[in-house]
Amino acid sequence: MKSLMMNTMDPDEETVELDRKFLDITTVQGREYQKYSIDNRIYFGPVDDEEAQSLDLQQLLFHRIFDGRLIFPPLRRLDRILDCGHGAASWATDVAEHYPGCEVIGVDIAPHMSPDNVPDNLWLQIDDLNRPFTFPANHFDLVHSRLLASGIDRSRWPSYVRDIVRVLRPGGWVQMVEIYFNVQSDNGSITDSHALRRWSTQYMRSLDDRKDLRVGPRLQDLLAQAGLSEVETKMIPLPLTAWSSDPRMREIGRHTGECIDDLLFSLALYPLTRRLHMSAENFDKLVEQAREEAKDPSLKAYFPMYVCIGRKRQ
């Protein structure tokens, strides 16, 4: 195991000291944010220990949703994997441990949630994914990208996917997961007056000038337009509580319910209070009402989640 006190830009190079600008934080209502991300409008979510714990819980939820599968495409060869926006490095760590002979590289703008120790075959580097990739062409067998709609700039998505294609080896795969945080109801009972709908509407409006939070339904077109083949997309309704009559989905809803309280608060805190100038009192009231509605099985609330894979032509 190795310590993450330094920023490793490449497994074949020596580590370099972290630039101080990536470490500075700013605080909003007791939550810590990376100042560099806020100042440069890159990412508006917290990067503190509380968020790292929430991301670890999310990884357990995804593990349940995908029946323990970390990798979806039918890959026969796994020498190098790139994880874009690694967050707390939960997925990257699981993959590195599961494939000890594979070199795994995680990229994120913020180092704050990186674990103190990682497997020897995992390297975490700091970079802004809104900038062109610096990796060589035809380098990775798999590129993983999950929940980056709030980090990738709206105008960047086409070139972001093209960068992924460039660094994939011929025959390599991309695996993408995005949640569309526009709450839906399986029985149509959620209206514009519900707090969950107001949370969704205001959260999306708060970032609309910079981010495309509706990118999930567009993933298939983005991958196809970038020249990938064998593109497949699946929309999975992510229940916010255990309302489904299907035993498996009811269990997933129960696990989602363990994450949703933190998500509704942390995801929207900075965007709503600082970008839409909502008062702290009104924000807390909105989140508390939305949390109660998320727990109400009669509303049958869910977020649409899009899973998309595509293969680089040989």
C-alpha atoms as a PDB file:
ATOM      1  CA  MET A   1       0.000   0.000   0.000  1.00  0.00           C
ATOM      2  CA  LYS A   2       1.185   3.519  -0.686  1.00  0.00           C
ATOM      3  CA  SER A   3       0.371   6.903   0.785  1.00  0.00           C
ATOM      4  CA  LEU A   4      -1.378   9.604  -1.218  1.00  0.00           C
ATOM      5  CA  MET A   5       0.579  12.532   0.147  1.00  0.00           C
ATOM      6  CA  MET A   6       1.759  13.382  -3.372  1.00  0.00           C
ATOM      7  CA  ASN A   7       0.133  13.816  -6.759  1.00  0.00           C
ATOM      8  CA  THR A   8       1.142  11.052  -9.134  1.00  0.00           C
ATOM      9  CA  MET A   9       0.754  12.309 -12.682  1.00  0.00           C
ATOM     10  CA  ASP A  10       1.911   9.073 -14.337  1.00  0.00           C
ATOM     11  CA  PRO A  11       2.764   5.611 -12.965  1.00  0.00           C
ATOM     12  CA  ASP A  12       6.116   5.719 -14.761  1.00  0.00           C
ATOM     13  CA  GLU A  13       7.118   9.127 -13.370  1.00  0.00           C
ATOM     14  CA  GLU A  14       8.168  10.277  -9.917  1.00  0.00           C
ATOM     15  CA  THR A  15       5.538  11.855  -7.704  1.00  0.00           C
ATOM     16  CA  VAL A  16       5.402  15.628  -7.543  1.00  0.00           C
ATOM     17  CA  GLU A  17       4.313  17.855  -4.688  1.00  0.00           C
ATOM     18  CA  LEU A  18       0.704  18.983  -4.724  1.00  0.00           C
ATOM     19  CA  ASP A  19       0.084  22.546  -5.869  1.00  0.00           C
ATOM     20  CA  ARG A  20      -1.333  24.475  -2.916  1.00  0.00           C
ATOM     21  CA  LYS A  21      -4.128  25.934  -5.042  1.00  0.00           C
ATOM     22  CA  PHE A  22      -5.805  22.507  -5.226  1.00  0.00           C
ATOM     23  CA  LEU A  23      -5.814  22.122  -1.431  1.00  0.00           C
ATOM     24  CA  ASP A  24      -7.403  25.402  -0.333  1.00  0.00           C
ATOM     25  CA  ILE A  25     -10.999  25.106   0.866  1.00  0.00           C
ATOM     26  CA  THR A  26     -13.955  27.400   1.433  1.00  0.00           C
ATOM     27  CA  THR A  27     -16.801  26.686   3.847  1.00  0.00           C
ATOM     28  CA  VAL A  28     -20.566  27.038   3.371  1.00  0.00           C
ATOM     29  CA  GLN A  29     -22.932  26.150   6.247  1.00  0.00           C
ATOM     30  CA  GLY A  30     -20.294  23.944   7.791  1.00  0.00           C
ATOM     31  CA  ARG A  31     -19.496  22.019   4.584  1.00  0.00           C
ATOM     32  CA  GLU A  32     -16.085  22.239   2.898  1.00  0.00           C
ATOM     33  CA  TYR A  33     -15.602  22.950  -0.818  1.00  0.00           C
ATOM     34  CA  GLN A  34     -12.499  23.092  -2.973  1.00  0.00           C
ATOM     35  CA  LYS A  35     -11.853  26.797  -3.518  1.00  0.00           C
ATOM     36  CA  TYR A  36     -10.197  26.186  -6.897  1.00  0.00           C
ATOM     37  CA  SER A  37     -13.307  24.379  -8.210  1.00  0.00           C
ATOM     38  CA  ILE A  38     -15.655  27.066  -6.929  1.00  0.00           C
ATOM     39  CA  ASP A  39     -13.553  29.958  -8.255  1.00  0.00           C
ATOM     40  CA  ASN A  40     -13.250  28.340 -11.684  1.00  0.00           C
ATOM     41  CA  ARG A  41     -16.844  27.058 -11.755  1.00  0.00           C
ATOM     42  CA  ILE A  42     -15.690  23.459 -12.207  1.00  0.00           C
ATOM     43  CA  TYR A  43     -17.558  21.633  -9.446  1.00  0.00           C
ATOM     44  CA  PHE A  44     -19.984  22.855  -6.786  1.00  0.00           C
ATOM     45  CA  GLY A  45     -20.180  19.860  -4.453  1.00  0.00           C
ATOM     46  CA  PRO A  46     -18.517  19.445  -1.037  1.00  0.00           C
ATOM     47  CA  VAL A  47     -15.190  17.617  -0.708  1.00  0.00           C
ATOM     48  CA  ASP A  48     -15.138  16.929   3.039  1.00  0.00           C
ATOM     49  CA  ASP A  49     -15.065  13.684   5.036  1.00  0.00           C
ATOM     50  CA  GLU A  50     -18.857  13.652   5.232  1.00  0.00           C
ATOM     51  CA  GLU A  51     -19.089  13.659   1.436  1.00  0.00           C
ATOM     52  CA  ALA A  52     -16.431  10.947   1.144  1.00  0.00           C
ATOM     53  CA  GLN A  53     -18.526   8.741   3.423  1.00  0.00           C
ATOM     54  CA  SER A  54     -21.608   9.468   1.290  1.00  0.00           C
ATOM     55  CA  LEU A  55     -19.727   8.470  -1.869  1.00  0.00           C
ATOM     56  CA  ASP A  56     -18.651   5.217  -0.235  1.00  0.00           C
ATOM     57  CA  LEU A  57     -22.326   4.533   0.536  1.00  0.00           C
ATOM     58  CA  GLN A  58     -23.194   5.330  -3.079  1.00  0.00           C
ATOM     59  CA  GLN A  59     -20.638   2.755  -4.229  1.00  0.00           C
ATOM     60  CA  LEU A  60     -22.396   0.151  -2.087  1.00  0.00           C
ATOM     61  CA  LEU A  61     -25.697   1.202  -3.679  1.00  0.00           C
ATOM     62  CA  PHE A  62     -24.265   0.826  -7.188  1.00  0.00           C
ATOM     63  CA  HIS A  63     -22.865  -2.545  -6.160  1.00  0.00           C
ATOM     64  CA  ARG A  64     -26.419  -3.573  -5.288  1.00  0.00           C
ATOM     65  CA  ILE A  65     -27.936  -2.098  -8.467  1.00  0.00           C
ATOM     66  CA  PHE A  66     -25.420  -3.796 -10.763  1.00  0.00           C
ATOM     67  CA  ASP A  67     -25.399  -7.133  -8.914  1.00  0.00           C
ATOM     68  CA  GLY A  68     -21.785  -6.732  -7.861  1.00  0.00           C
ATOM     69  CA  ARG A  69     -20.490  -6.041 -11.383  1.00  0.00           C
ATOM     70  CA  LEU A  70     -17.864  -3.323 -11.548  1.00  0.00           C
ATOM     71  CA  ILE A  71     -17.327  -3.591 -15.297  1.00  0.00           C
ATOM     72  CA  PHE A  72     -20.170  -4.124 -17.789  1.00  0.00           C
ATOM     73  CA  PRO A  73     -18.563  -4.552 -21.254  1.00  0.00           C
ATOM     74  CA  PRO A  74     -17.260  -8.007 -22.288  1.00  0.00           C
ATOM     75  CA  LEU A  75     -13.554  -7.240 -21.914  1.00  0.00           C
ATOM     76  CA  ARG A  76     -11.073 -10.061 -22.398  1.00  0.00           C
ATOM     77  CA  ARG A  77      -8.014  -7.900 -21.778  1.00  0.00           C
ATOM     78  CA  LEU A  78      -7.507  -5.512 -18.878  1.00  0.00           C
ATOM     79  CA  ASP A  79      -4.078  -3.916 -18.681  1.00  0.00           C
ATOM     80  CA  ARG A  80      -5.021  -0.274 -18.065  1.00  0.00           C
ATOM     81  CA  ILE A  81      -8.180   1.407 -16.768  1.00  0.00           C
ATOM     82  CA  LEU A  82      -8.952   5.131 -16.485  1.00  0.00           C
ATOM     83  CA  ASP A  83     -11.513   6.325 -13.935  1.00  0.00           C
ATOM     84  CA  CYS A  84     -12.710   9.857 -14.731  1.00  0.00           C
ATOM     85  CA  GLY A  85     -13.829  11.847 -11.688  1.00  0.00           C
ATOM     86  CA  HIS A  86     -12.847   9.288  -9.055  1.00  0.00           C
ATOM     87  CA  GLY A  87     -14.279  11.229  -6.071  1.00  0.00           C
ATOM     88  CA  ALA A  88     -13.484   9.162  -2.985  1.00  0.00           C
ATOM     89  CA  ALA A  89     -11.872   6.523  -5.260  1.00  0.00           C
ATOM     90  CA  SER A  90     -14.422   3.904  -4.156  1.00  0.00           C
ATOM     91  CA  TRP A  91     -14.912   2.362  -7.614  1.00  0.00           C
ATOM     92  CA  ALA A  92     -11.238   2.728  -8.549  1.00  0.00           C
ATOM     93  CA  THR A  93     -10.135   0.991  -5.349  1.00  0.00           C
ATOM     94  CA  ASP A  94     -12.599  -1.866  -5.817  1.00  0.00           C
ATOM     95  CA  VAL A  95     -11.438  -2.381  -9.420  1.00  0.00           C
ATOM     96  CA  ALA A  96      -7.755  -2.215  -8.503  1.00  0.00           C
ATOM     97  CA  GLU A  97      -8.265  -4.819  -5.789  1.00  0.00           C
ATOM     98  CA  HIS A  98     -10.341  -7.045  -8.063  1.00  0.00           C
ATOM     99  CA  TYR A  99      -7.799  -6.839 -10.917  1.00  0.00           C
ATOM    100  CA  PRO A 100      -4.390  -6.678  -9.182  1.00  0.00           C
ATOM    101  CA  GLY A 101      -2.523  -7.153 -12.461  1.00  0.00           C
ATOM    102  CA  CYS A 102      -4.217  -4.125 -14.033  1.00  0.00           C
ATOM    103  CA  GLU A 103      -2.933  -0.555 -13.857  1.00  0.00           C
ATOM    104  CA  VAL A 104      -5.758   1.756 -12.679  1.00  0.00           C
ATOM    105  CA  ILE A 105      -5.514   5.554 -12.955  1.00  0.00           C
ATOM    106  CA  GLY A 106      -8.086   7.846 -11.353  1.00  0.00           C
ATOM    107  CA  VAL A 107      -8.452  11.535 -12.258  1.00  0.00           C
ATOM    108  CA  ASP A 108     -10.259  14.179 -10.218  1.00  0.00           C
ATOM    109  CA  ILE A 109      -9.985  17.922  -9.723  1.00  0.00           C
ATOM    110  CA  ALA A 110     -10.044  17.585  -5.911  1.00  0.00           C
ATOM    111  CA  PRO A 111      -7.656  15.435  -3.846  1.00  0.00           C
ATOM    112  CA  HIS A 112      -9.481  15.983  -0.556  1.00  0.00           C
ATOM    113  CA  MET A 113     -11.578  12.788  -0.547  1.00  0.00           C
ATOM    114  CA  SER A 114      -8.817  10.441  -1.734  1.00  0.00           C
ATOM    115  CA  PRO A 115      -8.172   7.648   0.769  1.00  0.00           C
ATOM    116  CA  ASP A 116      -4.962   7.670   2.783  1.00  0.00           C
ATOM    117  CA  ASN A 117      -3.874   4.347   1.318  1.00  0.00           C
ATOM    118  CA  VAL A 118      -4.670   2.722  -2.002  1.00  0.00           C
ATOM    119  CA  PRO A 119      -3.675  -0.539  -3.713  1.00  0.00           C
ATOM    120  CA  ASP A 120      -0.219  -0.567  -5.296  1.00  0.00           C
ATOM    121  CA  ASN A 121      -1.712  -0.741  -8.804  1.00  0.00           C
ATOM    122  CA  LEU A 122      -3.851   2.408  -8.349  1.00  0.00           C
ATOM    123  CA  TRP A 123      -2.603   5.927  -9.122  1.00  0.00           C
ATOM    124  CA  LEU A 124      -4.692   9.041  -8.423  1.00  0.00           C
ATOM    125  CA  GLN A 125      -3.930  12.271 -10.223  1.00  0.00           C
ATOM    126  CA  ILE A 126      -5.325  15.794 -10.139  1.00  0.00           C
ATOM    127  CA  ASP A 127      -6.605  17.344 -13.334  1.00  0.00           C
ATOM    128  CA  ASP A 128      -9.582  19.221 -14.745  1.00  0.00           C
ATOM    129  CA  LEU A 129     -11.517  16.903 -17.051  1.00  0.00           C
ATOM    130  CA  ASN A 130     -12.823  19.963 -18.865  1.00  0.00           C
ATOM    131  CA  ARG A 131      -9.350  20.310 -20.373  1.00  0.00           C
ATOM    132  CA  PRO A 132      -8.035  18.022 -23.149  1.00  0.00           C
ATOM    133  CA  PHE A 133      -6.650  14.720 -21.928  1.00  0.00           C
ATOM    134  CA  THR A 134      -2.854  14.439 -21.760  1.00  0.00           C
ATOM    135  CA  PHE A 135      -2.774  10.639 -21.910  1.00  0.00           C
ATOM    136  CA  PRO A 136      -1.316   8.993 -25.033  1.00  0.00           C
ATOM    137  CA  ALA A 137      -3.633   7.632 -27.720  1.00  0.00           C
ATOM    138  CA  ASN A 138      -4.683   3.961 -27.725  1.00  0.00           C
ATOM    139  CA  HIS A 139      -3.668   3.595 -24.073  1.00  0.00           C
ATOM    140  CA  PHE A 140      -6.594   2.236 -22.004  1.00  0.00           C
ATOM    141  CA  ASP A 141      -8.701  -0.907 -22.234  1.00  0.00           C
ATOM    142  CA  LEU A 142     -11.573   0.736 -20.326  1.00  0.00           C
ATOM    143  CA  VAL A 143     -12.554   4.299 -19.443  1.00  0.00           C
ATOM    144  CA  HIS A 144     -15.072   4.664 -16.620  1.00  0.00           C
ATOM    145  CA  SER A 145     -17.109   7.863 -16.175  1.00  0.00           C
ATOM    146  CA  ARG A 146     -19.813   8.096 -13.483  1.00  0.00           C
ATOM    147  CA  LEU A 147     -21.936  11.005 -12.220  1.00  0.00           C
ATOM    148  CA  LEU A 148     -19.958  13.784 -13.914  1.00  0.00           C
ATOM    149  CA  ALA A 149     -22.877  15.891 -15.175  1.00  0.00           C
ATOM    150  CA  SER A 150     -22.261  18.404 -12.373  1.00  0.00           C
ATOM    151  CA  GLY A 151     -18.553  18.622 -13.228  1.00  0.00           C
ATOM    152  CA  ILE A 152     -18.214  18.505 -17.015  1.00  0.00           C
ATOM    153  CA  ASP A 153     -19.065  21.811 -18.700  1.00  0.00           C
ATOM    154  CA  ARG A 154     -22.078  21.812 -21.024  1.00  0.00           C
ATOM    155  CA  SER A 155     -19.967  22.676 -24.075  1.00  0.00           C
ATOM    156  CA  ARG A 156     -17.289  20.105 -23.189  1.00  0.00           C
ATOM    157  CA  TRP A 157     -19.311  16.901 -23.540  1.00  0.00           C
ATOM    158  CA  PRO A 158     -18.687  16.186 -27.259  1.00  0.00           C
ATOM    159  CA  SER A 159     -14.921  16.766 -26.956  1.00  0.00           C
ATOM    160  CA  TYR A 160     -14.849  14.917 -23.601  1.00  0.00           C
ATOM    161  CA  VAL A 161     -16.235  11.801 -25.276  1.00  0.00           C
ATOM    162  CA  ARG A 162     -13.860  12.260 -28.229  1.00  0.00           C
ATOM    163  CA  ASP A 163     -10.940  12.435 -25.762  1.00  0.00           C
ATOM    164  CA  ILE A 164     -12.132   9.173 -24.232  1.00  0.00           C
ATOM    165  CA  VAL A 165     -12.251   7.555 -27.663  1.00  0.00           C
ATOM    166  CA  ARG A 166      -8.745   8.798 -28.494  1.00  0.00           C
ATOM    167  CA  VAL A 167      -7.149   7.293 -25.375  1.00  0.00           C
ATOM    168  CA  LEU A 168      -8.965   3.961 -25.730  1.00  0.00           C
ATOM    169  CA  ARG A 169      -7.043   1.210 -27.490  1.00  0.00           C
ATOM    170  CA  PRO A 170      -8.781  -0.247 -30.571  1.00  0.00           C
ATOM    171  CA  GLY A 171     -11.414  -2.618 -29.228  1.00  0.00           C
ATOM    172  CA  GLY A 172     -11.462  -0.855 -25.848  1.00  0.00           C
ATOM    173  CA  TRP A 173     -14.670   0.202 -24.103  1.00  0.00           C
ATOM    174  CA  VAL A 174     -16.162   3.202 -22.351  1.00  0.00           C
ATOM    175  CA  GLN A 175     -18.632   2.758 -19.483  1.00  0.00           C
ATOM    176  CA  MET A 176     -20.746   5.766 -18.416  1.00  0.00           C
ATOM    177  CA  VAL A 177     -23.394   6.236 -15.728  1.00  0.00           C
ATOM    178  CA  GLU A 178     -25.403   9.420 -15.186  1.00  0.00           C
ATOM    179  CA  ILE A 179     -28.422  10.181 -13.010  1.00  0.00           C
ATOM    180  CA  TYR A 180     -30.973  12.683 -14.304  1.00  0.00           C
ATOM    181  CA  PHE A 181     -31.922  14.491 -11.100  1.00  0.00           C
ATOM    182  CA  ASN A 182     -35.356  15.463 -12.375  1.00  0.00           C
ATOM    183  CA  VAL A 183     -37.564  13.471 -10.015  1.00  0.00           C
ATOM    184  CA  GLN A 184     -40.258  11.307 -11.592  1.00  0.00           C
ATOM    185  CA  SER A 185     -43.204   9.384 -10.187  1.00  0.00           C
ATOM    186  CA  ASP A 186     -44.101   5.881 -11.303  1.00  0.00           C
ATOM    187  CA  ASN A 187     -47.791   6.662 -10.772  1.00  0.00           C
ATOM    188  CA  GLY A 188     -47.703  10.324 -11.851  1.00  0.00           C
ATOM    189  CA  SER A 189     -48.552  11.621  -8.381  1.00  0.00           C
ATOM    190  CA  ILE A 190     -45.692  14.166  -8.076  1.00  0.00           C
ATOM    191  CA  THR A 191     -46.738  17.644  -9.170  1.00  0.00           C
ATOM    192  CA  ASP A 192     -44.936  20.966  -9.470  1.00  0.00           C
ATOM    193  CA  SER A 193     -46.090  21.843  -5.955  1.00  0.00           C
ATOM    194  CA  HIS A 194     -44.186  18.955  -4.380  1.00  0.00           C
ATOM    195  CA  ALA A 195     -40.900  19.772  -2.666  1.00  0.00           C
ATOM    196  CA  LEU A 196     -39.075  17.029  -4.578  1.00  0.00           C
ATOM    197  CA  ARG A 197     -40.090  18.589  -7.884  1.00  0.00           C
ATOM    198  CA  ARG A 198     -39.155  22.070  -6.657  1.00  0.00           C
ATOM    199  CA  TRP A 199     -35.784  20.718  -5.490  1.00  0.00           C
ATOM    200  CA  SER A 200     -35.171  19.173  -8.915  1.00  0.00           C
ATOM    201  CA  THR A 201     -36.253  22.232 -10.864  1.00  0.00           C
ATOM    202  CA  GLN A 202     -34.185  24.667  -8.831  1.00  0.00           C
ATOM    203  CA  TYR A 203     -31.123  22.415  -8.712  1.00  0.00           C
ATOM    204  CA  MET A 204     -31.087  22.074 -12.502  1.00  0.00           C
ATOM    205  CA  ARG A 205     -31.741  25.791 -12.990  1.00  0.00           C
ATOM    206  CA  SER A 206     -28.899  26.688 -10.616  1.00  0.00           C
ATOM    207  CA  LEU A 207     -26.288  25.066 -12.886  1.00  0.00           C
ATOM    208  CA  ASP A 208     -27.961  25.426 -16.272  1.00  0.00           C
ATOM    209  CA  ASP A 209     -25.639  28.210 -17.420  1.00  0.00           C
ATOM    210  CA  ARG A 210     -22.608  25.978 -16.934  1.00  0.00           C
ATOM    211  CA  LYS A 211     -23.533  22.270 -16.781  1.00  0.00           C
ATOM    212  CA  ASP A 212     -25.811  19.900 -18.674  1.00  0.00           C
ATOM    213  CA  LEU A 213     -27.626  17.995 -15.944  1.00  0.00           C
ATOM    214  CA  ARG A 214     -29.841  16.433 -18.651  1.00  0.00           C
ATOM    215  CA  VAL A 215     -26.907  14.680 -20.331  1.00  0.00           C
ATOM    216  CA  GLY A 216     -28.018  11.178 -19.273  1.00  0.00           C
ATOM    217  CA  PRO A 217     -30.575  10.726 -22.072  1.00  0.00           C
ATOM    218  CA  ARG A 218     -28.000  12.058 -24.559  1.00  0.00           C
ATOM    219  CA  LEU A 219     -25.205   9.595 -23.767  1.00  0.00           C
ATOM    220  CA  GLN A 220     -26.094   7.167 -26.545  1.00  0.00           C
ATOM    221  CA  ASP A 221     -26.036   9.913 -29.200  1.00  0.00           C
ATOM    222  CA  LEU A 222     -22.778  11.350 -27.833  1.00  0.00           C
ATOM    223  CA  LEU A 223     -21.041   7.981 -27.999  1.00  0.00           C
ATOM    224  CA  ALA A 224     -22.397   7.187 -31.452  1.00  0.00           C
ATOM    225  CA  GLN A 225     -21.422  10.619 -32.804  1.00  0.00           C
ATOM    226  CA  ALA A 226     -17.879  10.074 -31.493  1.00  0.00           C
ATOM    227  CA  GLY A 227     -17.599   6.977 -33.681  1.00  0.00           C
ATOM    228  CA  LEU A 228     -18.039   4.251 -31.085  1.00  0.00           C
ATOM    229  CA  SER A 229     -19.679   0.983 -32.081  1.00  0.00           C
ATOM    230  CA  GLU A 230     -21.826  -1.497 -30.151  1.00  0.00           C
ATOM    231  CA  VAL A 231     -23.346   1.400 -28.210  1.00  0.00           C
ATOM    232  CA  GLU A 232     -25.967   0.252 -25.722  1.00  0.00           C
ATOM    233  CA  THR A 233     -27.996   2.315 -23.254  1.00  0.00           C
ATOM    234  CA  LYS A 234     -30.320   1.330 -20.459  1.00  0.00           C
ATOM    235  CA  MET A 235     -32.479   3.580 -18.306  1.00  0.00           C
ATOM    236  CA  ILE A 236     -32.900   2.269 -14.767  1.00  0.00           C
ATOM    237  CA  PRO A 237     -35.522   3.949 -12.553  1.00  0.00           C
ATOM    238  CA  LEU A 238     -33.746   4.517  -9.245  1.00  0.00           C
ATOM    239  CA  PRO A 239     -36.443   4.355  -6.542  1.00  0.00           C
ATOM    240  CA  LEU A 240     -35.934   6.808  -3.698  1.00  0.00           C
ATOM    241  CA  THR A 241     -37.458   4.446  -1.160  1.00  0.00           C
ATOM    242  CA  ALA A 242     -38.734   0.862  -0.940  1.00  0.00           C
ATOM    243  CA  TRP A 243     -41.987   1.368  -2.884  1.00  0.00           C
ATOM    244  CA  SER A 244     -41.618  -1.169  -5.696  1.00  0.00           C
ATOM    245  CA  SER A 245     -43.617  -4.407  -5.813  1.00  0.00           C
ATOM    246  CA  ASP A 246     -40.536  -6.107  -7.284  1.00  0.00           C
ATOM    247  CA  PRO A 247     -38.447  -7.553  -4.409  1.00  0.00           C
ATOM    248  CA  ARG A 248     -35.106  -6.663  -6.012  1.00  0.00           C
ATOM    249  CA  MET A 249     -36.109  -3.066  -6.799  1.00  0.00           C
ATOM    250  CA  ARG A 250     -37.678  -2.703  -3.346  1.00  0.00           C
ATOM    251  CA  GLU A 251     -34.336  -3.680  -1.811  1.00  0.00           C
ATOM    252  CA  ILE A 252     -32.548  -1.172  -4.067  1.00  0.00           C
ATOM    253  CA  GLY A 253     -35.038   1.478  -2.951  1.00  0.00           C
ATOM    254  CA  ARG A 254     -34.229   0.704   0.665  1.00  0.00           C
ATOM    255  CA  HIS A 255     -30.519   1.236  -0.004  1.00  0.00           C
ATOM    256  CA  THR A 256     -31.212   4.415  -1.994  1.00  0.00           C
ATOM    257  CA  GLY A 257     -33.154   5.711   0.973  1.00  0.00           C
ATOM    258  CA  GLU A 258     -29.981   5.433   3.057  1.00  0.00           C
ATOM    259  CA  CYS A 259     -28.218   7.812   0.642  1.00  0.00           C
ATOM    260  CA  ILE A 260     -30.960  10.228  -0.344  1.00  0.00           C
ATOM    261  CA  ASP A 261     -31.003  12.399   2.793  1.00  0.00           C
ATOM    262  CA  ASP A 262     -27.345  13.348   2.358  1.00  0.00           C
ATOM    263  CA  LEU A 263     -27.650  13.686  -1.411  1.00  0.00           C
ATOM    264  CA  LEU A 264     -30.572  16.129  -1.358  1.00  0.00           C
ATOM    265  CA  PHE A 265     -28.633  18.385   1.008  1.00  0.00           C
ATOM    266  CA  SER A 266     -25.045  18.181  -0.240  1.00  0.00           C
ATOM    267  CA  LEU A 267     -25.746  18.186  -3.975  1.00  0.00           C
ATOM    268  CA  ALA A 268     -27.842  21.352  -3.848  1.00  0.00           C
ATOM    269  CA  LEU A 269     -26.398  23.346  -0.921  1.00  0.00           C
ATOM    270  CA  TYR A 270     -23.928  25.538  -2.807  1.00  0.00           C
ATOM    271  CA  PRO A 271     -25.910  25.786  -6.079  1.00  0.00           C
ATOM    272  CA  LEU A 272     -29.133  26.881  -4.398  1.00  0.00           C
ATOM    273  CA  THR A 273     -27.783  29.103  -1.610  1.00  0.00           C
ATOM    274  CA  ARG A 274     -24.899  30.721  -3.492  1.00  0.00           C
ATOM    275  CA  ARG A 275     -25.907  30.604  -7.158  1.00  0.00           C
ATOM    276  CA  LEU A 276     -29.674  31.108  -6.725  1.00  0.00           C
ATOM    277  CA  HIS A 277     -29.270  33.090  -3.476  1.00  0.00           C
ATOM    278  CA  MET A 278     -31.831  31.058  -1.560  1.00  0.00           C
ATOM    279  CA  SER A 279     -31.737  31.782   2.155  1.00  0.00           C
ATOM    280  CA  ALA A 280     -30.345  29.102   4.450  1.00  0.00           C
ATOM    281  CA  GLU A 281     -33.708  28.908   6.205  1.00  0.00           C
ATOM    282  CA  ASN A 282     -35.630  28.326   2.962  1.00  0.00           C
ATOM    283  CA  PHE A 283     -33.046  25.840   1.748  1.00  0.00           C
ATOM    284  CA  ASP A 284     -33.228  23.784   4.929  1.00  0.00           C
ATOM    285  CA  LYS A 285     -37.033  23.829   4.756  1.00  0.00           C
ATOM    286  CA  LEU A 286     -37.046  22.696   1.111  1.00  0.00           C
ATOM    287  CA  VAL A 287     -34.602  19.860   1.775  1.00  0.00           C
ATOM    288  CA  GLU A 288     -36.494  18.679   4.860  1.00  0.00           C
ATOM    289  CA  GLN A 289     -39.772  18.583   2.905  1.00  0.00           C
ATOM    290  CA  ALA A 290     -38.108  16.809  -0.016  1.00  0.00           C
ATOM    291  CA  ARG A 291     -36.618  14.221   2.341  1.00  0.00           C
ATOM    292  CA  GLU A 292     -40.043  13.463   3.800  1.00  0.00           C
ATOM    293  CA  GLU A 293     -41.563  13.096   0.331  1.00  0.00           C
ATOM    294  CA  ALA A 294     -38.718  10.819  -0.783  1.00  0.00           C
ATOM    295  CA  LYS A 295     -39.640   8.478   2.083  1.00  0.00           C
ATOM    296  CA  ASP A 296     -43.336   8.408   1.083  1.00  0.00           C
ATOM    297  CA  PRO A 297     -43.956   5.121  -0.794  1.00  0.00           C
ATOM    298  CA  SER A 298     -47.277   6.387  -2.178  1.00  0.00           C
ATOM    299  CA  LEU A 299     -45.445   8.925  -4.374  1.00  0.00           C
ATOM    300  CA  LYS A 300     -43.344   6.167  -6.004  1.00  0.00           C
ATOM    301  CA  ALA A 301     -40.535   8.678  -6.614  1.00  0.00           C
ATOM    302  CA  TYR A 302     -37.476   7.829  -8.682  1.00  0.00           C
ATOM    303  CA  PHE A 303     -34.553   9.398 -10.511  1.00  0.00           C
ATOM    304  CA  PRO A 304     -33.885   8.103 -14.054  1.00  0.00           C
ATOM    305  CA  MET A 305     -30.388   6.604 -14.240  1.00  0.00           C
ATOM    306  CA  TYR A 306     -28.716   6.037 -17.603  1.00  0.00           C
ATOM    307  CA  VAL A 307     -26.055   3.388 -18.171  1.00  0.00           C
ATOM    308  CA  CYS A 308     -24.248   3.499 -21.505  1.00  0.00           C
ATOM    309  CA  ILE A 309     -21.363   1.516 -23.003  1.00  0.00           C
ATOM    310  CA  GLY A 310     -19.592   1.753 -26.346  1.00  0.00           C
ATOM    311  CA  ARG A 311     -16.601   0.170 -28.071  1.00  0.00           C
ATOM    312  CA  LYS A 312     -13.793   1.747 -30.059  1.00  0.00           C
ATOM    313  CA  ARG A 313     -13.569   0.203 -33.492  1.00  0.00           C
ATOM    314  CA  GLN A 314     -10.684  -2.167 -34.176  1.00  0.00           C
END
